[in-house]
Amino acid sequence: MSHEVPIRKKEVLTRQGKYPVRPEEILIRQAAADDAPALLAIYAPYVRKTAITFEYEVPTEDEFRGRIGRTLKRFPYLVAYRKAAAGAEKQSAAGAEEQPAACAEEQPASGADRQNAADRSPESSMEEYEILGYAYAGYFKTRAAYDWACEVSIYVREDRKRDGIGRRLYEALELCLAAMGMRNLYACIGVPEADDEYLNHDSVRFHERMGYRLCGTFRRCGYKFGRWYDMCWMEKFLVPQETEVKPVVPFPEICEETDPWI
């Protein structure tokens, strides 16, 4: 069974009015190995057509599946998805009175609904949902003194950018990391000397909006598509640095088991 973002946090993931897409249309859950084909389909264009990732070759499905599994041994790996029929439902509801979205805790699924969800196979469930993007954390450095710091990454489907998906994913990721006891988040971002067809400063601007600050730039250290690119590090403190330091708890130990689909 998959793990979702801890249920006590769901009200944060379903706030209304902050995002261009209705909150109930963008849902967050933990990634699973079976998500590898869909997530790889999101990642592959970034490899082939951009310098957002410095990777040259698209990984195989097996390699990508292994990356998901290795990450989940310690860190959160989250998927944003929506019901495949959400667009049709939205259109059919046009003109109806707008009702405030309730948080998951306020309107829990009935026992029958939860049983129906549990009875669905992963294959049938995937046919009913479309994946929009994913985000995950990983080691910043592996030596013990760095335990309270991690690196974060995010990829959103090409045709769904600027829909608020990236913000939703990062907010959910930060909730999970804070629950683990993480303190410092780091993003490694490719940047061009001037915007070109392969890379621009959008990622830097997105991280600035999410509360990250620039802490260092490595000049002309990445070579892709016949040109050199810079790489910068941005950081965000999840908690004030003077707060008590407690041991970090691996993500599998803090996430609560719930239905695999919201």
C-alpha atoms as a PDB file:
ATOM      1  CA  MET A   1       0.000   0.000   0.000  1.00  0.00           C
ATOM      2  CA  SER A   2       1.260   3.486  -0.840  1.00  0.00           C
ATOM      3  CA  HIS A   3       1.758   6.176   1.780  1.00  0.00           C
ATOM      4  CA  GLU A   4       0.148   9.562   1.524  1.00  0.00           C
ATOM      5  CA  VAL A   5       1.221  12.824   3.025  1.00  0.00           C
ATOM      6  CA  PRO A   6       0.418  12.423   6.762  1.00  0.00           C
ATOM      7  CA  ILE A   7      -3.328  12.849   7.075  1.00  0.00           C
ATOM      8  CA  ARG A   8      -3.063  15.504   9.741  1.00  0.00           C
ATOM      9  CA  LYS A   9      -1.409  17.738   7.134  1.00  0.00           C
ATOM     10  CA  LYS A  10      -4.064  17.379   4.421  1.00  0.00           C
ATOM     11  CA  GLU A  11      -5.914  20.536   5.333  1.00  0.00           C
ATOM     12  CA  VAL A  12      -2.826  22.487   4.239  1.00  0.00           C
ATOM     13  CA  LEU A  13      -2.902  20.738   0.866  1.00  0.00           C
ATOM     14  CA  THR A  14      -6.545  21.595   0.173  1.00  0.00           C
ATOM     15  CA  ARG A  15      -6.787  25.288   0.942  1.00  0.00           C
ATOM     16  CA  GLN A  16      -9.038  27.157  -1.433  1.00  0.00           C
ATOM     17  CA  GLY A  17      -8.394  30.295  -3.404  1.00  0.00           C
ATOM     18  CA  LYS A  18      -4.574  30.274  -3.542  1.00  0.00           C
ATOM     19  CA  TYR A  19      -4.057  28.374  -6.780  1.00  0.00           C
ATOM     20  CA  PRO A  20      -5.254  28.816 -10.381  1.00  0.00           C
ATOM     21  CA  VAL A  21      -6.681  25.262 -10.357  1.00  0.00           C
ATOM     22  CA  ARG A  22      -9.379  24.270  -7.871  1.00  0.00           C
ATOM     23  CA  PRO A  23      -7.643  22.656  -4.881  1.00  0.00           C
ATOM     24  CA  GLU A  24      -9.622  19.425  -5.115  1.00  0.00           C
ATOM     25  CA  GLU A  25      -8.312  18.908  -8.646  1.00  0.00           C
ATOM     26  CA  ILE A  26      -4.665  18.682  -7.556  1.00  0.00           C
ATOM     27  CA  LEU A  27      -3.968  15.885  -5.109  1.00  0.00           C
ATOM     28  CA  ILE A  28      -0.735  14.694  -3.522  1.00  0.00           C
ATOM     29  CA  ARG A  29       0.370  11.179  -2.656  1.00  0.00           C
ATOM     30  CA  GLN A  30       3.578   9.251  -2.168  1.00  0.00           C
ATOM     31  CA  ALA A  31       5.194   7.863  -5.299  1.00  0.00           C
ATOM     32  CA  ALA A  32       5.397   4.121  -5.916  1.00  0.00           C
ATOM     33  CA  ALA A  33       7.614   2.001  -8.144  1.00  0.00           C
ATOM     34  CA  ASP A  34       4.723   1.571 -10.593  1.00  0.00           C
ATOM     35  CA  ASP A  35       4.753   5.338 -11.201  1.00  0.00           C
ATOM     36  CA  ALA A  36       8.120   5.056 -12.960  1.00  0.00           C
ATOM     37  CA  PRO A  37       6.750   5.110 -16.570  1.00  0.00           C
ATOM     38  CA  ALA A  38       4.571   8.170 -15.964  1.00  0.00           C
ATOM     39  CA  LEU A  39       7.243  10.067 -14.031  1.00  0.00           C
ATOM     40  CA  LEU A  40       9.888   9.204 -16.597  1.00  0.00           C
ATOM     41  CA  ALA A  41       7.600  10.568 -19.322  1.00  0.00           C
ATOM     42  CA  ILE A  42       7.599  13.881 -17.436  1.00  0.00           C
ATOM     43  CA  TYR A  43      11.357  13.852 -16.901  1.00  0.00           C
ATOM     44  CA  ALA A  44      12.480  12.752 -20.388  1.00  0.00           C
ATOM     45  CA  PRO A  45      11.725  16.063 -22.188  1.00  0.00           C
ATOM     46  CA  TYR A  46      13.799  17.912 -19.598  1.00  0.00           C
ATOM     47  CA  VAL A  47      16.747  15.685 -20.496  1.00  0.00           C
ATOM     48  CA  ARG A  48      16.257  15.836 -24.275  1.00  0.00           C
ATOM     49  CA  LYS A  49      15.254  19.459 -24.734  1.00  0.00           C
ATOM     50  CA  THR A  50      16.542  21.503 -21.797  1.00  0.00           C
ATOM     51  CA  ALA A  51      19.544  22.195 -19.618  1.00  0.00           C
ATOM     52  CA  ILE A  52      17.348  22.193 -16.506  1.00  0.00           C
ATOM     53  CA  THR A  53      18.918  18.818 -15.824  1.00  0.00           C
ATOM     54  CA  PHE A  54      22.564  18.290 -16.739  1.00  0.00           C
ATOM     55  CA  GLU A  55      21.825  14.630 -17.503  1.00  0.00           C
ATOM     56  CA  TYR A  56      22.579  13.766 -21.157  1.00  0.00           C
ATOM     57  CA  GLU A  57      20.737  10.461 -21.656  1.00  0.00           C
ATOM     58  CA  VAL A  58      17.202   9.598 -20.613  1.00  0.00           C
ATOM     59  CA  PRO A  59      17.416   6.845 -17.975  1.00  0.00           C
ATOM     60  CA  THR A  60      15.724   3.534 -18.585  1.00  0.00           C
ATOM     61  CA  GLU A  61      12.483   2.685 -16.835  1.00  0.00           C
ATOM     62  CA  ASP A  62      14.305   0.201 -14.609  1.00  0.00           C
ATOM     63  CA  GLU A  63      16.904   2.784 -13.630  1.00  0.00           C
ATOM     64  CA  PHE A  64      14.227   5.367 -12.883  1.00  0.00           C
ATOM     65  CA  ARG A  65      12.256   2.848 -10.832  1.00  0.00           C
ATOM     66  CA  GLY A  66      15.407   2.172  -8.850  1.00  0.00           C
ATOM     67  CA  ARG A  67      15.880   5.877  -8.177  1.00  0.00           C
ATOM     68  CA  ILE A  68      12.374   6.100  -6.727  1.00  0.00           C
ATOM     69  CA  GLY A  69      12.966   3.088  -4.505  1.00  0.00           C
ATOM     70  CA  ARG A  70      16.325   4.309  -3.236  1.00  0.00           C
ATOM     71  CA  THR A  71      14.911   7.731  -2.396  1.00  0.00           C
ATOM     72  CA  LEU A  72      11.934   6.310  -0.480  1.00  0.00           C
ATOM     73  CA  LYS A  73      14.191   4.381   1.863  1.00  0.00           C
ATOM     74  CA  ARG A  74      14.844   7.652   3.680  1.00  0.00           C
ATOM     75  CA  PHE A  75      13.155  10.636   2.000  1.00  0.00           C
ATOM     76  CA  PRO A  76       9.733  11.643   0.673  1.00  0.00           C
ATOM     77  CA  TYR A  77       9.028  11.243  -3.052  1.00  0.00           C
ATOM     78  CA  LEU A  78       5.682  12.860  -3.877  1.00  0.00           C
ATOM     79  CA  VAL A  79       3.408  12.831  -6.910  1.00  0.00           C
ATOM     80  CA  ALA A  80       0.839  15.452  -7.905  1.00  0.00           C
ATOM     81  CA  TYR A  81      -2.141  14.036  -9.776  1.00  0.00           C
ATOM     82  CA  ARG A  82      -5.726  14.784 -10.666  1.00  0.00           C
ATOM     83  CA  LYS A  83      -8.764  12.810 -11.687  1.00  0.00           C
ATOM     84  CA  ALA A  84      -8.668  12.246 -15.436  1.00  0.00           C
ATOM     85  CA  ALA A  85     -12.294  13.334 -15.681  1.00  0.00           C
ATOM     86  CA  ALA A  86     -11.805  16.517 -13.658  1.00  0.00           C
ATOM     87  CA  GLY A  87     -12.029  18.726 -16.728  1.00  0.00           C
ATOM     88  CA  ALA A  88     -15.336  17.203 -17.807  1.00  0.00           C
ATOM     89  CA  GLU A  89     -16.712  17.390 -14.280  1.00  0.00           C
ATOM     90  CA  LYS A  90     -15.721  21.032 -14.069  1.00  0.00           C
ATOM     91  CA  GLN A  91     -17.428  21.808 -17.371  1.00  0.00           C
ATOM     92  CA  SER A  92     -20.639  20.006 -16.385  1.00  0.00           C
ATOM     93  CA  ALA A  93     -20.681  21.941 -13.121  1.00  0.00           C
ATOM     94  CA  ALA A  94     -20.432  25.320 -14.879  1.00  0.00           C
ATOM     95  CA  GLY A  95     -23.051  27.718 -13.582  1.00  0.00           C
ATOM     96  CA  ALA A  96     -23.580  25.739 -10.390  1.00  0.00           C
ATOM     97  CA  GLU A  97     -23.208  27.517  -7.089  1.00  0.00           C
ATOM     98  CA  GLU A  98     -19.586  27.517  -5.944  1.00  0.00           C
ATOM     99  CA  GLN A  99     -19.117  25.664  -2.679  1.00  0.00           C
ATOM    100  CA  PRO A 100     -16.093  26.064  -0.383  1.00  0.00           C
ATOM    101  CA  ALA A 101     -13.682  23.140  -0.572  1.00  0.00           C
ATOM    102  CA  ALA A 102     -13.590  21.153   2.654  1.00  0.00           C
ATOM    103  CA  CYS A 103     -10.429  19.672   4.030  1.00  0.00           C
ATOM    104  CA  ALA A 104     -10.001  15.913   3.998  1.00  0.00           C
ATOM    105  CA  GLU A 105     -10.493  15.629   7.746  1.00  0.00           C
ATOM    106  CA  GLU A 106     -13.797  17.517   7.645  1.00  0.00           C
ATOM    107  CA  GLN A 107     -15.361  15.255   5.014  1.00  0.00           C
ATOM    108  CA  PRO A 108     -13.837  11.784   5.412  1.00  0.00           C
ATOM    109  CA  ALA A 109     -14.686   9.166   2.830  1.00  0.00           C
ATOM    110  CA  SER A 110     -17.392   6.721   3.818  1.00  0.00           C
ATOM    111  CA  GLY A 111     -16.458   3.164   4.667  1.00  0.00           C
ATOM    112  CA  ALA A 112     -17.892   1.958   1.357  1.00  0.00           C
ATOM    113  CA  ASP A 113     -15.923   4.557  -0.602  1.00  0.00           C
ATOM    114  CA  ARG A 114     -12.699   3.633   1.172  1.00  0.00           C
ATOM    115  CA  GLN A 115     -13.301  -0.055   0.558  1.00  0.00           C
ATOM    116  CA  ASN A 116     -13.978   0.586  -3.138  1.00  0.00           C
ATOM    117  CA  ALA A 117     -10.708   2.512  -3.384  1.00  0.00           C
ATOM    118  CA  ALA A 118      -8.807  -0.260  -1.640  1.00  0.00           C
ATOM    119  CA  ASP A 119     -10.340  -2.864  -3.958  1.00  0.00           C
ATOM    120  CA  ARG A 120      -9.169  -1.111  -7.123  1.00  0.00           C
ATOM    121  CA  SER A 121      -6.026  -2.534  -8.685  1.00  0.00           C
ATOM    122  CA  PRO A 122      -3.121  -0.139  -9.397  1.00  0.00           C
ATOM    123  CA  GLU A 123      -3.757  -0.603 -13.116  1.00  0.00           C
ATOM    124  CA  SER A 124      -7.414   0.435 -12.979  1.00  0.00           C
ATOM    125  CA  SER A 125      -6.616   3.309 -10.621  1.00  0.00           C
ATOM    126  CA  MET A 126      -3.929   4.704 -12.936  1.00  0.00           C
ATOM    127  CA  GLU A 127      -6.452   4.796 -15.781  1.00  0.00           C
ATOM    128  CA  GLU A 128      -8.618   7.152 -13.697  1.00  0.00           C
ATOM    129  CA  TYR A 129      -5.870   9.607 -12.729  1.00  0.00           C
ATOM    130  CA  GLU A 130      -3.329  11.695 -14.603  1.00  0.00           C
ATOM    131  CA  ILE A 131       0.030  12.528 -13.053  1.00  0.00           C
ATOM    132  CA  LEU A 132       0.985  16.198 -13.238  1.00  0.00           C
ATOM    133  CA  GLY A 133       4.413  16.372 -11.624  1.00  0.00           C
ATOM    134  CA  TYR A 134       6.628  15.090  -8.838  1.00  0.00           C
ATOM    135  CA  ALA A 135       9.043  16.297  -6.196  1.00  0.00           C
ATOM    136  CA  TYR A 136      11.474  14.541  -3.895  1.00  0.00           C
ATOM    137  CA  ALA A 137      14.310  15.066  -1.459  1.00  0.00           C
ATOM    138  CA  GLY A 138      17.706  13.426  -1.237  1.00  0.00           C
ATOM    139  CA  TYR A 139      21.003  13.585   0.565  1.00  0.00           C
ATOM    140  CA  PHE A 140      22.805  16.922   0.532  1.00  0.00           C
ATOM    141  CA  LYS A 141      25.919  15.125   1.761  1.00  0.00           C
ATOM    142  CA  THR A 142      26.077  11.678   3.306  1.00  0.00           C
ATOM    143  CA  ARG A 143      28.330  12.392   6.296  1.00  0.00           C
ATOM    144  CA  ALA A 144      26.573  12.444   9.646  1.00  0.00           C
ATOM    145  CA  ALA A 145      26.991  16.160  10.349  1.00  0.00           C
ATOM    146  CA  TYR A 146      24.837  16.927   7.274  1.00  0.00           C
ATOM    147  CA  ASP A 147      21.856  14.845   8.447  1.00  0.00           C
ATOM    148  CA  TRP A 148      19.657  17.917   8.968  1.00  0.00           C
ATOM    149  CA  ALA A 149      20.147  19.176   5.404  1.00  0.00           C
ATOM    150  CA  CYS A 150      18.766  17.746   2.181  1.00  0.00           C
ATOM    151  CA  GLU A 151      18.573  18.544  -1.523  1.00  0.00           C
ATOM    152  CA  VAL A 152      15.168  18.984  -3.169  1.00  0.00           C
ATOM    153  CA  SER A 153      14.113  18.497  -6.794  1.00  0.00           C
ATOM    154  CA  ILE A 154      10.882  19.081  -8.707  1.00  0.00           C
ATOM    155  CA  TYR A 155       9.572  18.406 -12.219  1.00  0.00           C
ATOM    156  CA  VAL A 156       6.169  19.425 -13.585  1.00  0.00           C
ATOM    157  CA  ARG A 157       4.625  18.134 -16.784  1.00  0.00           C
ATOM    158  CA  GLU A 158       5.420  20.418 -19.731  1.00  0.00           C
ATOM    159  CA  ASP A 159       1.788  21.208 -20.523  1.00  0.00           C
ATOM    160  CA  ARG A 160       0.820  21.895 -16.915  1.00  0.00           C
ATOM    161  CA  LYS A 161       3.310  24.559 -15.875  1.00  0.00           C
ATOM    162  CA  ARG A 162       2.040  27.692 -14.110  1.00  0.00           C
ATOM    163  CA  ASP A 163      -1.009  25.871 -12.735  1.00  0.00           C
ATOM    164  CA  GLY A 164       0.174  26.014  -9.130  1.00  0.00           C
ATOM    165  CA  ILE A 165       1.372  22.395  -9.189  1.00  0.00           C
ATOM    166  CA  GLY A 166       4.959  23.215  -8.276  1.00  0.00           C
ATOM    167  CA  ARG A 167       3.900  25.215  -5.237  1.00  0.00           C
ATOM    168  CA  ARG A 168       1.553  22.449  -4.089  1.00  0.00           C
ATOM    169  CA  LEU A 169       4.287  19.838  -4.417  1.00  0.00           C
ATOM    170  CA  TYR A 170       6.889  21.908  -2.582  1.00  0.00           C
ATOM    171  CA  GLU A 171       4.513  22.796   0.251  1.00  0.00           C
ATOM    172  CA  ALA A 172       3.678  19.119   0.715  1.00  0.00           C
ATOM    173  CA  LEU A 173       7.354  18.153   0.518  1.00  0.00           C
ATOM    174  CA  GLU A 174       8.266  20.732   3.144  1.00  0.00           C
ATOM    175  CA  LEU A 175       5.589  19.400   5.499  1.00  0.00           C
ATOM    176  CA  CYS A 176       7.070  15.917   5.216  1.00  0.00           C
ATOM    177  CA  LEU A 177      10.636  17.142   5.675  1.00  0.00           C
ATOM    178  CA  ALA A 178       9.691  19.248   8.693  1.00  0.00           C
ATOM    179  CA  ALA A 179       8.015  16.202  10.248  1.00  0.00           C
ATOM    180  CA  MET A 180      11.265  14.291   9.757  1.00  0.00           C
ATOM    181  CA  GLY A 181      13.215  16.998  11.581  1.00  0.00           C
ATOM    182  CA  MET A 182      14.975  18.470   8.537  1.00  0.00           C
ATOM    183  CA  ARG A 183      16.180  22.033   8.954  1.00  0.00           C
ATOM    184  CA  ASN A 184      17.971  23.162   5.777  1.00  0.00           C
ATOM    185  CA  LEU A 185      16.748  22.650   2.196  1.00  0.00           C
ATOM    186  CA  TYR A 186      19.012  23.084  -0.817  1.00  0.00           C
ATOM    187  CA  ALA A 187      18.200  23.330  -4.517  1.00  0.00           C
ATOM    188  CA  CYS A 188      20.874  22.887  -7.184  1.00  0.00           C
ATOM    189  CA  ILE A 189      19.787  24.900 -10.242  1.00  0.00           C
ATOM    190  CA  GLY A 190      21.268  25.306 -13.707  1.00  0.00           C
ATOM    191  CA  VAL A 191      21.357  28.942 -14.848  1.00  0.00           C
ATOM    192  CA  PRO A 192      22.405  30.519 -18.154  1.00  0.00           C
ATOM    193  CA  GLU A 193      24.500  33.641 -18.518  1.00  0.00           C
ATOM    194  CA  ALA A 194      21.556  34.871 -20.597  1.00  0.00           C
ATOM    195  CA  ASP A 195      18.241  33.094 -21.187  1.00  0.00           C
ATOM    196  CA  ASP A 196      18.300  30.826 -24.249  1.00  0.00           C
ATOM    197  CA  GLU A 197      16.133  28.138 -25.855  1.00  0.00           C
ATOM    198  CA  TYR A 198      17.389  25.477 -23.435  1.00  0.00           C
ATOM    199  CA  LEU A 199      17.459  27.274 -20.091  1.00  0.00           C
ATOM    200  CA  ASN A 200      16.177  30.419 -18.397  1.00  0.00           C
ATOM    201  CA  HIS A 201      15.898  31.841 -14.897  1.00  0.00           C
ATOM    202  CA  ASP A 202      12.368  30.572 -14.188  1.00  0.00           C
ATOM    203  CA  SER A 203      13.538  27.986 -11.669  1.00  0.00           C
ATOM    204  CA  VAL A 204      15.507  30.596  -9.728  1.00  0.00           C
ATOM    205  CA  ARG A 205      12.468  32.869  -9.646  1.00  0.00           C
ATOM    206  CA  PHE A 206      10.208  30.007  -8.548  1.00  0.00           C
ATOM    207  CA  HIS A 207      12.512  29.122  -5.650  1.00  0.00           C
ATOM    208  CA  GLU A 208      12.724  32.777  -4.634  1.00  0.00           C
ATOM    209  CA  ARG A 209       8.917  32.857  -4.424  1.00  0.00           C
ATOM    210  CA  MET A 210       9.054  29.721  -2.268  1.00  0.00           C
ATOM    211  CA  GLY A 211      11.380  31.433   0.209  1.00  0.00           C
ATOM    212  CA  TYR A 212      14.796  30.255  -1.009  1.00  0.00           C
ATOM    213  CA  ARG A 213      17.799  32.537  -1.246  1.00  0.00           C
ATOM    214  CA  LEU A 214      20.913  32.355  -3.390  1.00  0.00           C
ATOM    215  CA  CYS A 215      23.929  31.115  -1.462  1.00  0.00           C
ATOM    216  CA  GLY A 216      26.495  30.394  -4.189  1.00  0.00           C
ATOM    217  CA  THR A 217      27.137  30.145  -7.940  1.00  0.00           C
ATOM    218  CA  PHE A 218      29.582  27.916  -9.802  1.00  0.00           C
ATOM    219  CA  ARG A 219      30.537  29.490 -13.122  1.00  0.00           C
ATOM    220  CA  ARG A 220      30.454  27.603 -16.434  1.00  0.00           C
ATOM    221  CA  CYS A 221      30.591  24.205 -14.762  1.00  0.00           C
ATOM    222  CA  GLY A 222      27.963  22.388 -16.887  1.00  0.00           C
ATOM    223  CA  TYR A 223      28.332  21.764 -20.622  1.00  0.00           C
ATOM    224  CA  LYS A 224      25.254  20.764 -22.615  1.00  0.00           C
ATOM    225  CA  PHE A 225      23.979  21.470 -26.145  1.00  0.00           C
ATOM    226  CA  GLY A 226      27.369  22.873 -27.096  1.00  0.00           C
ATOM    227  CA  ARG A 227      27.440  25.644 -24.537  1.00  0.00           C
ATOM    228  CA  TRP A 228      28.446  26.282 -20.930  1.00  0.00           C
ATOM    229  CA  TYR A 229      26.015  26.875 -18.078  1.00  0.00           C
ATOM    230  CA  ASP A 230      26.399  28.070 -14.506  1.00  0.00           C
ATOM    231  CA  MET A 231      25.016  26.180 -11.538  1.00  0.00           C
ATOM    232  CA  CYS A 232      23.733  27.894  -8.407  1.00  0.00           C
ATOM    233  CA  TRP A 233      22.752  26.663  -4.963  1.00  0.00           C
ATOM    234  CA  MET A 234      19.730  28.122  -3.200  1.00  0.00           C
ATOM    235  CA  GLU A 235      18.767  27.410   0.410  1.00  0.00           C
ATOM    236  CA  LYS A 236      15.790  27.663   2.730  1.00  0.00           C
ATOM    237  CA  PHE A 237      15.647  27.234   6.505  1.00  0.00           C
ATOM    238  CA  LEU A 238      12.590  25.248   7.596  1.00  0.00           C
ATOM    239  CA  VAL A 239      13.008  26.213  11.266  1.00  0.00           C
ATOM    240  CA  PRO A 240      14.894  28.958  13.112  1.00  0.00           C
ATOM    241  CA  GLN A 241      18.481  27.876  13.549  1.00  0.00           C
ATOM    242  CA  GLU A 242      18.375  28.409  17.332  1.00  0.00           C
ATOM    243  CA  THR A 243      15.674  25.757  17.848  1.00  0.00           C
ATOM    244  CA  GLU A 244      16.593  22.509  19.592  1.00  0.00           C
ATOM    245  CA  VAL A 245      18.319  19.970  17.365  1.00  0.00           C
ATOM    246  CA  LYS A 246      16.667  16.552  17.406  1.00  0.00           C
ATOM    247  CA  PRO A 247      17.627  13.406  15.462  1.00  0.00           C
ATOM    248  CA  VAL A 248      16.181  13.160  11.963  1.00  0.00           C
ATOM    249  CA  VAL A 249      13.568  10.428  11.556  1.00  0.00           C
ATOM    250  CA  PRO A 250      13.540   8.631   8.168  1.00  0.00           C
ATOM    251  CA  PHE A 251      10.398   9.346   6.172  1.00  0.00           C
ATOM    252  CA  PRO A 252       9.080   5.744   6.188  1.00  0.00           C
ATOM    253  CA  GLU A 253       8.932   5.925   9.978  1.00  0.00           C
ATOM    254  CA  ILE A 254       6.844   9.113  10.160  1.00  0.00           C
ATOM    255  CA  CYS A 255       4.380   8.763   7.299  1.00  0.00           C
ATOM    256  CA  GLU A 256       1.000   7.279   8.127  1.00  0.00           C
ATOM    257  CA  GLU A 257      -0.589   4.559   6.048  1.00  0.00           C
ATOM    258  CA  THR A 258      -3.832   5.584   4.387  1.00  0.00           C
ATOM    259  CA  ASP A 259      -5.626   4.705   1.178  1.00  0.00           C
ATOM    260  CA  PRO A 260      -3.280   4.937  -1.842  1.00  0.00           C
ATOM    261  CA  TRP A 261      -5.688   7.345  -3.602  1.00  0.00           C
ATOM    262  CA  ILE A 262      -7.297  10.434  -2.129  1.00  0.00           C
END
